[in-house]
Amino acid sequence: MQRPALEVKNLTTPLQIGGKTYDVVDRLSFNLYLGKTLALVGESGCGKSLTALSLMRILPEPPCLPSKGEVIYKGRNILSFSEKQMRDIRGASISMIFQDPGAALNPVYTIGAQLIEVAELHLELYGEEAEQRSLQALQEMGIPQPEQRFDDYPHQLSGGMKQRVMVAMALMCEPDILIPDEPTTALDVTIQAQVLALIRQAQQKRGMAVLLITHDMGIVAEMADEVIVMYTSQAMERGSIRQIFQEMAHPYTMGLFGSRPSIHGHKGKLHPIKGTVPSLPEYPEGCRFNTRCPYVMDICLKGDVPDFMVGESPHHLSKCWLSEGS
């Protein structure tokens, strides 16, 4: 059996607010495999991006406290790495594409200078070699007139072009693991498709493992092999793309699908999940979805909810009492 490129076991990230500690990522476990895509989905504020930042170890401490659990990469737990060891991994072996390229790119340096920095830091290329590798990275992303873009500043590029630059940076070192965090936010549909195609082509060419963070089920259907549905820092349901789309078991997953616009029936009406995602200090006791769930029972109001196997597949799990004995 293929060994995971990244093995995450009970990842927990505490956040200190006003003398109290809350888990912004709560006992999350999953495996990433080379050539495969795992999607983390859920509403804004569910802990998807914080999971990625925890894996990269770039959350500010304080207010965040060191993550607990294990993140195994090449047989070693990177949560125990020194900052210097993590700097060697970030951008080289594990790369992240941030959801706001305008904020991620430094406004006072040219695109070329920022790409050259990556080449120098991780590839140990300097001078003309670093410049040529940087231009090649832009060409591979289909950026027109790369020599001209090389000398441009971020504000001179469109949103789609800036996102292509971010993809180029993330892929320059041919990482084992790529984490695109909402890579198509604020892009029009045509540019979205182009950015996703670039990521998919790079994965096919280099065999990377991809941890895709999104709230868009259309993108999940197009890109993912496996899915974890997150809510209030926890995994509510997990399974293959077929299991999640065709055999969904958790009421929250059903709510996400039910709130999607459809051209069929309902006379164009949406069916949103009632209420909003609670803030950290307001997470309810018991099942954290119990304040919004249409099927809530007394047992849902106290104690931890275990992960139940859905059907006969050990890979399809639902954190819901309705799945007990399913």
Protein backbone atom coordinates (compact mmCIF):
# COMPACT_ATOMS: atom_id res chain seq x y z
CA MET A 1 0.00 0.00 0.00
CA GLN A 2 1.22 3.50 -0.85
CA ARG A 3 2.77 5.37 2.05
CA PRO A 4 1.26 8.82 2.80
CA ALA A 5 3.27 11.85 1.74
CA LEU A 6 1.93 13.54 4.88
CA GLU A 7 0.30 11.84 7.86
CA VAL A 8 -1.68 14.07 10.22
CA LYS A 9 -2.68 12.57 13.57
CA ASN A 10 -4.92 14.37 16.07
CA LEU A 11 -3.73 17.83 15.02
CA THR A 12 -4.90 20.31 17.65
CA THR A 13 -4.08 24.02 17.65
CA PRO A 14 -4.97 26.00 20.80
CA LEU A 15 -5.72 29.73 20.74
CA GLN A 16 -5.59 31.86 23.89
CA ILE A 17 -8.32 34.50 24.25
CA GLY A 18 -8.72 36.50 27.46
CA GLY A 19 -6.99 33.93 29.64
CA LYS A 20 -9.00 31.01 28.19
CA THR A 21 -7.84 28.46 25.63
CA TYR A 22 -9.89 27.29 22.65
CA ASP A 23 -8.97 24.78 19.94
CA VAL A 24 -9.13 26.37 16.49
CA VAL A 25 -8.18 22.98 15.00
CA ASP A 26 -9.59 20.11 17.03
CA ARG A 27 -8.12 16.57 16.79
CA LEU A 28 -7.99 16.49 13.02
CA SER A 29 -6.48 13.42 11.33
CA PHE A 30 -5.94 12.63 7.64
CA ASN A 31 -3.40 11.33 5.14
CA LEU A 32 -2.19 12.99 1.95
CA TYR A 33 -1.02 10.77 -0.91
CA LEU A 34 1.18 11.63 -3.87
CA GLY A 35 -0.87 12.26 -6.99
CA LYS A 36 -4.12 12.63 -5.02
CA THR A 37 -6.18 15.62 -3.88
CA LEU A 38 -7.89 15.91 -0.50
CA ALA A 39 -10.37 18.78 -0.18
CA LEU A 40 -11.20 20.53 3.09
CA VAL A 41 -14.64 22.11 2.73
CA GLY A 42 -17.03 24.07 4.92
CA GLU A 43 -18.31 27.57 5.61
CA SER A 44 -16.01 30.47 6.42
CA GLY A 45 -14.80 30.27 10.01
CA CYS A 46 -14.81 26.45 10.20
CA GLY A 47 -11.03 26.08 10.60
CA LYS A 48 -9.96 25.14 7.06
CA SER A 49 -7.30 27.84 6.59
CA LEU A 50 -6.16 27.51 10.21
CA THR A 51 -5.50 23.83 9.52
CA ALA A 52 -3.22 24.76 6.62
CA LEU A 53 -1.43 27.45 8.64
CA SER A 54 -0.97 24.96 11.48
CA LEU A 55 0.64 22.47 9.09
CA MET A 56 2.96 25.18 7.77
CA ARG A 57 3.56 26.42 11.34
CA ILE A 58 3.07 30.07 10.44
CA LEU A 59 0.41 31.01 13.00
CA PRO A 60 1.52 33.81 15.36
CA GLU A 61 2.51 32.63 18.87
CA PRO A 62 0.86 34.21 20.87
CA PRO A 63 -2.13 34.28 20.58
CA CYS A 64 -1.82 30.76 19.18
CA LEU A 65 -0.02 28.13 21.24
CA PRO A 66 2.13 25.37 19.68
CA SER A 67 0.08 22.74 17.87
CA LYS A 68 -0.25 19.30 19.41
CA GLY A 69 -0.53 15.88 17.78
CA GLU A 70 1.69 14.67 14.96
CA VAL A 71 2.36 15.80 11.39
CA ILE A 72 4.59 13.11 9.90
CA TYR A 73 6.63 14.04 6.83
CA LYS A 74 9.29 11.58 5.63
CA GLY A 75 9.11 9.72 8.94
CA ARG A 76 9.58 12.78 11.17
CA ASN A 77 7.12 14.89 13.16
CA ILE A 78 7.51 18.42 11.79
CA LEU A 79 5.66 19.87 14.80
CA SER A 80 8.88 19.22 16.73
CA PHE A 81 11.11 20.92 14.13
CA SER A 82 13.04 24.08 14.91
CA GLU A 83 12.11 27.25 13.01
CA LYS A 84 15.26 26.85 10.87
CA GLN A 85 14.24 23.31 9.90
CA MET A 86 10.74 24.55 9.03
CA ARG A 87 12.15 27.33 6.83
CA ASP A 88 13.98 24.67 4.81
CA ILE A 89 10.70 22.81 4.24
CA ARG A 90 8.31 25.72 3.63
CA GLY A 91 8.16 26.64 -0.03
CA ALA A 92 10.51 23.79 -0.96
CA SER A 93 8.89 20.50 0.11
CA ILE A 94 5.53 21.86 1.27
CA SER A 95 4.18 24.92 -0.57
CA MET A 96 1.07 26.99 0.00
CA ILE A 97 -0.91 29.23 -2.36
CA PHE A 98 -2.59 31.92 -0.27
CA GLN A 99 -6.13 33.05 -1.00
CA ASP A 100 -5.25 36.75 -1.35
CA PRO A 101 -2.26 37.14 -3.69
CA GLY A 102 -2.45 40.91 -3.32
CA ALA A 103 -1.62 40.57 0.37
CA ALA A 104 0.84 37.68 -0.04
CA LEU A 105 3.05 39.46 -2.59
CA ASN A 106 5.33 42.19 -1.27
CA PRO A 107 4.22 45.49 -2.85
CA VAL A 108 7.67 47.12 -2.78
CA TYR A 109 9.56 44.38 -4.67
CA THR A 110 9.21 43.40 -8.31
CA ILE A 111 7.75 40.04 -9.26
CA GLY A 112 11.19 38.98 -10.48
CA ALA A 113 12.90 39.89 -7.20
CA GLN A 114 10.39 37.81 -5.23
CA LEU A 115 10.81 34.78 -7.52
CA ILE A 116 14.60 35.09 -7.39
CA GLU A 117 14.43 35.07 -3.58
CA VAL A 118 12.72 31.66 -3.75
CA ALA A 119 15.36 30.37 -6.19
CA GLU A 120 18.18 31.57 -3.95
CA LEU A 121 16.69 30.33 -0.70
CA HIS A 122 15.52 26.86 -1.74
CA LEU A 123 17.29 25.99 -5.03
CA GLU A 124 20.64 27.68 -4.25
CA LEU A 125 20.61 29.36 -7.65
CA TYR A 126 22.11 32.83 -7.99
CA GLY A 127 22.59 35.56 -10.57
CA GLU A 128 21.65 34.66 -14.13
CA GLU A 129 20.72 31.08 -13.19
CA ALA A 130 18.17 32.31 -10.62
CA GLU A 131 16.77 34.80 -13.14
CA GLN A 132 16.39 32.16 -15.86
CA ARG A 133 14.68 29.73 -13.47
CA SER A 134 12.29 32.49 -12.39
CA LEU A 135 11.43 33.39 -15.98
CA GLN A 136 10.88 29.71 -16.73
CA ALA A 137 8.45 29.50 -13.78
CA LEU A 138 6.43 32.40 -15.22
CA GLN A 139 6.43 30.83 -18.69
CA GLU A 140 5.20 27.51 -17.29
CA MET A 141 2.20 29.34 -15.80
CA GLY A 142 1.28 30.73 -19.21
CA ILE A 143 2.04 34.33 -18.24
CA PRO A 144 2.36 36.40 -21.44
CA GLN A 145 5.50 38.51 -21.93
CA PRO A 146 7.24 37.04 -18.85
CA GLU A 147 10.28 39.31 -19.31
CA GLN A 148 8.06 42.36 -18.92
CA ARG A 149 6.09 40.90 -15.99
CA PHE A 150 9.42 40.07 -14.34
CA ASP A 151 10.11 43.78 -13.81
CA ASP A 152 6.53 44.68 -12.83
CA TYR A 153 5.35 45.35 -9.28
CA PRO A 154 2.30 43.48 -7.90
CA HIS A 155 -0.01 46.49 -8.29
CA GLN A 156 0.64 46.46 -12.04
CA LEU A 157 -0.88 42.98 -12.43
CA SER A 158 -4.51 41.87 -12.53
CA GLY A 159 -5.87 39.58 -9.82
CA GLY A 160 -5.67 36.56 -12.10
CA MET A 161 -2.09 37.35 -13.07
CA LYS A 162 -1.07 37.78 -9.44
CA GLN A 163 -2.58 34.38 -8.63
CA ARG A 164 -0.58 32.83 -11.49
CA VAL A 165 2.57 34.36 -9.99
CA MET A 166 1.67 32.80 -6.62
CA VAL A 167 1.22 29.41 -8.30
CA ALA A 168 4.58 29.86 -10.05
CA MET A 169 6.28 30.62 -6.72
CA ALA A 170 4.65 27.64 -5.04
CA LEU A 171 5.71 25.22 -7.78
CA MET A 172 9.23 26.51 -8.48
CA CYS A 173 10.86 23.99 -6.15
CA GLU A 174 8.67 21.07 -7.27
CA PRO A 175 7.21 20.41 -3.80
CA ASP A 176 5.88 17.05 -2.63
CA ILE A 177 2.81 18.75 -1.12
CA LEU A 178 0.83 21.75 -2.39
CA ILE A 179 -1.78 23.54 -0.26
CA PRO A 180 -3.97 25.89 -2.34
CA ASP A 181 -6.09 27.94 0.08
CA GLU A 182 -9.19 29.20 -1.77
CA PRO A 183 -7.02 29.67 -4.89
CA THR A 184 -9.85 31.14 -6.98
CA THR A 185 -11.29 33.68 -4.52
CA ALA A 186 -12.35 36.95 -6.23
CA LEU A 187 -11.45 35.64 -9.70
CA ASP A 188 -13.94 35.52 -12.55
CA VAL A 189 -15.09 32.11 -13.80
CA THR A 190 -12.76 31.98 -16.81
CA ILE A 191 -9.66 32.80 -14.74
CA GLN A 192 -10.79 30.35 -12.03
CA ALA A 193 -10.82 27.55 -14.59
CA GLN A 194 -7.35 28.53 -15.83
CA VAL A 195 -5.84 28.59 -12.33
CA LEU A 196 -7.38 25.21 -11.43
CA ALA A 197 -6.13 23.75 -14.73
CA LEU A 198 -2.60 24.95 -13.92
CA ILE A 199 -2.71 23.24 -10.51
CA ARG A 200 -4.11 20.03 -11.99
CA GLN A 201 -1.51 19.95 -14.78
CA ALA A 202 1.31 20.51 -12.29
CA GLN A 203 -0.01 17.69 -10.11
CA GLN A 204 -0.20 15.29 -13.06
CA LYS A 205 3.29 16.25 -14.22
CA ARG A 206 5.00 16.14 -10.81
CA GLY A 207 2.82 13.73 -8.84
CA MET A 208 2.27 16.11 -5.93
CA ALA A 209 -0.14 15.55 -3.05
CA VAL A 210 -2.65 18.41 -2.92
CA LEU A 211 -4.58 19.65 0.12
CA LEU A 212 -7.26 21.87 -1.44
CA ILE A 213 -9.10 24.33 0.80
CA THR A 214 -12.38 25.64 -0.59
CA HIS A 215 -16.05 26.27 0.10
CA ASP A 216 -17.01 25.71 -3.54
CA MET A 217 -18.52 22.25 -4.11
CA GLY A 218 -18.13 22.69 -7.88
CA ILE A 219 -14.37 22.96 -7.46
CA VAL A 220 -14.41 19.96 -5.11
CA ALA A 221 -16.25 17.86 -7.70
CA GLU A 222 -13.72 18.85 -10.36
CA MET A 223 -10.50 18.51 -8.37
CA ALA A 224 -10.81 16.19 -5.36
CA ASP A 225 -10.37 12.46 -4.75
CA GLU A 226 -11.30 12.62 -1.06
CA VAL A 227 -13.20 15.17 1.04
CA ILE A 228 -13.26 16.27 4.67
CA VAL A 229 -16.25 18.42 5.65
CA MET A 230 -15.21 20.75 8.49
CA TYR A 231 -17.37 22.63 10.97
CA THR A 232 -16.31 24.48 14.15
CA SER A 233 -12.71 23.20 13.94
CA GLN A 234 -13.71 19.53 13.63
CA ALA A 235 -14.14 17.00 10.81
CA MET A 236 -17.88 16.30 10.57
CA GLU A 237 -17.75 13.88 7.66
CA ARG A 238 -15.04 12.35 5.50
CA GLY A 239 -15.02 10.04 2.52
CA SER A 240 -14.28 9.65 -1.16
CA ILE A 241 -15.69 12.15 -3.62
CA ARG A 242 -18.38 9.63 -4.60
CA GLN A 243 -19.33 8.90 -0.97
CA ILE A 244 -19.64 12.57 -0.03
CA PHE A 245 -21.58 13.56 -3.15
CA GLN A 246 -23.84 10.51 -3.47
CA GLU A 247 -24.04 8.98 0.03
CA MET A 248 -23.70 12.02 2.32
CA ALA A 249 -24.63 11.17 5.91
CA HIS A 250 -24.07 14.20 8.15
CA PRO A 251 -26.85 16.84 8.36
CA TYR A 252 -24.22 19.57 7.92
CA THR A 253 -23.01 18.04 4.65
CA MET A 254 -26.63 17.77 3.52
CA GLY A 255 -27.12 21.43 4.44
CA LEU A 256 -24.10 22.51 2.38
CA PHE A 257 -25.45 20.72 -0.67
CA GLY A 258 -28.98 21.92 -0.04
CA SER A 259 -27.86 25.56 0.05
CA ARG A 260 -26.25 25.41 -3.39
CA PRO A 261 -28.08 27.21 -6.21
CA SER A 262 -29.63 24.88 -8.76
CA ILE A 263 -31.19 25.36 -12.16
CA HIS A 264 -33.58 22.50 -11.39
CA GLY A 265 -36.79 22.96 -9.39
CA HIS A 266 -37.50 25.02 -6.25
CA LYS A 267 -38.23 27.97 -8.57
CA GLY A 268 -34.73 29.31 -7.99
CA LYS A 269 -35.06 29.35 -4.19
CA LEU A 270 -32.04 28.63 -2.02
CA HIS A 271 -32.30 26.54 1.14
CA PRO A 272 -29.59 27.95 3.43
CA ILE A 273 -28.57 26.36 6.70
CA LYS A 274 -30.30 28.32 9.43
CA GLY A 275 -28.13 30.42 11.75
CA THR A 276 -24.40 31.06 11.48
CA VAL A 277 -21.16 29.36 12.47
CA PRO A 278 -20.70 30.08 16.21
CA SER A 279 -17.58 31.91 17.38
CA LEU A 280 -14.94 29.98 19.34
CA PRO A 281 -16.20 30.92 22.85
CA GLU A 282 -19.75 30.00 21.81
CA TYR A 283 -19.19 26.46 20.57
CA PRO A 284 -22.13 24.46 21.99
CA GLU A 285 -21.80 21.40 24.21
CA GLY A 286 -22.25 18.03 22.57
CA CYS A 287 -22.47 18.02 18.80
CA ARG A 288 -21.32 21.45 17.65
CA PHE A 289 -23.93 21.50 14.90
CA ASN A 290 -26.82 20.97 17.34
CA THR A 291 -27.89 24.65 17.33
CA ARG A 292 -28.51 24.53 13.56
CA CYS A 293 -29.41 20.89 12.93
CA PRO A 294 -33.00 20.00 11.88
CA TYR A 295 -32.57 16.47 13.32
CA VAL A 296 -31.21 17.39 16.77
CA MET A 297 -31.93 14.85 19.57
CA ASP A 298 -31.33 14.88 23.33
CA ILE A 299 -28.18 12.78 22.92
CA CYS A 300 -26.74 15.52 20.67
CA LEU A 301 -26.69 18.08 23.49
CA LYS A 302 -23.90 16.65 25.66
CA GLY A 303 -20.64 14.77 25.38
CA ASP A 304 -18.32 14.15 22.45
CA VAL A 305 -19.81 12.61 19.32
CA PRO A 306 -17.70 9.70 17.99
CA ASP A 307 -16.98 9.06 14.33
CA PHE A 308 -19.38 6.43 13.00
CA MET A 309 -18.72 4.28 9.94
CA VAL A 310 -21.26 4.94 7.19
CA GLY A 311 -22.41 1.73 5.53
CA GLU A 312 -19.64 -0.84 5.22
CA SER A 313 -16.80 1.47 4.25
CA PRO A 314 -14.17 2.18 6.94
CA HIS A 315 -13.18 5.24 4.90
CA HIS A 316 -16.58 6.95 5.08
CA LEU A 317 -17.05 8.43 8.56
CA SER A 318 -19.69 10.75 10.02
CA LYS A 319 -19.58 12.53 13.40
CA CYS A 320 -23.33 12.15 13.94
CA TRP A 321 -25.53 9.96 16.15
CA LEU A 322 -27.85 9.41 13.17
CA SER A 323 -25.07 7.31 11.62
CA GLU A 324 -24.83 4.96 14.64
CA GLY A 325 -25.38 1.43 13.37
CA SER A 326 -25.85 2.60 9.78
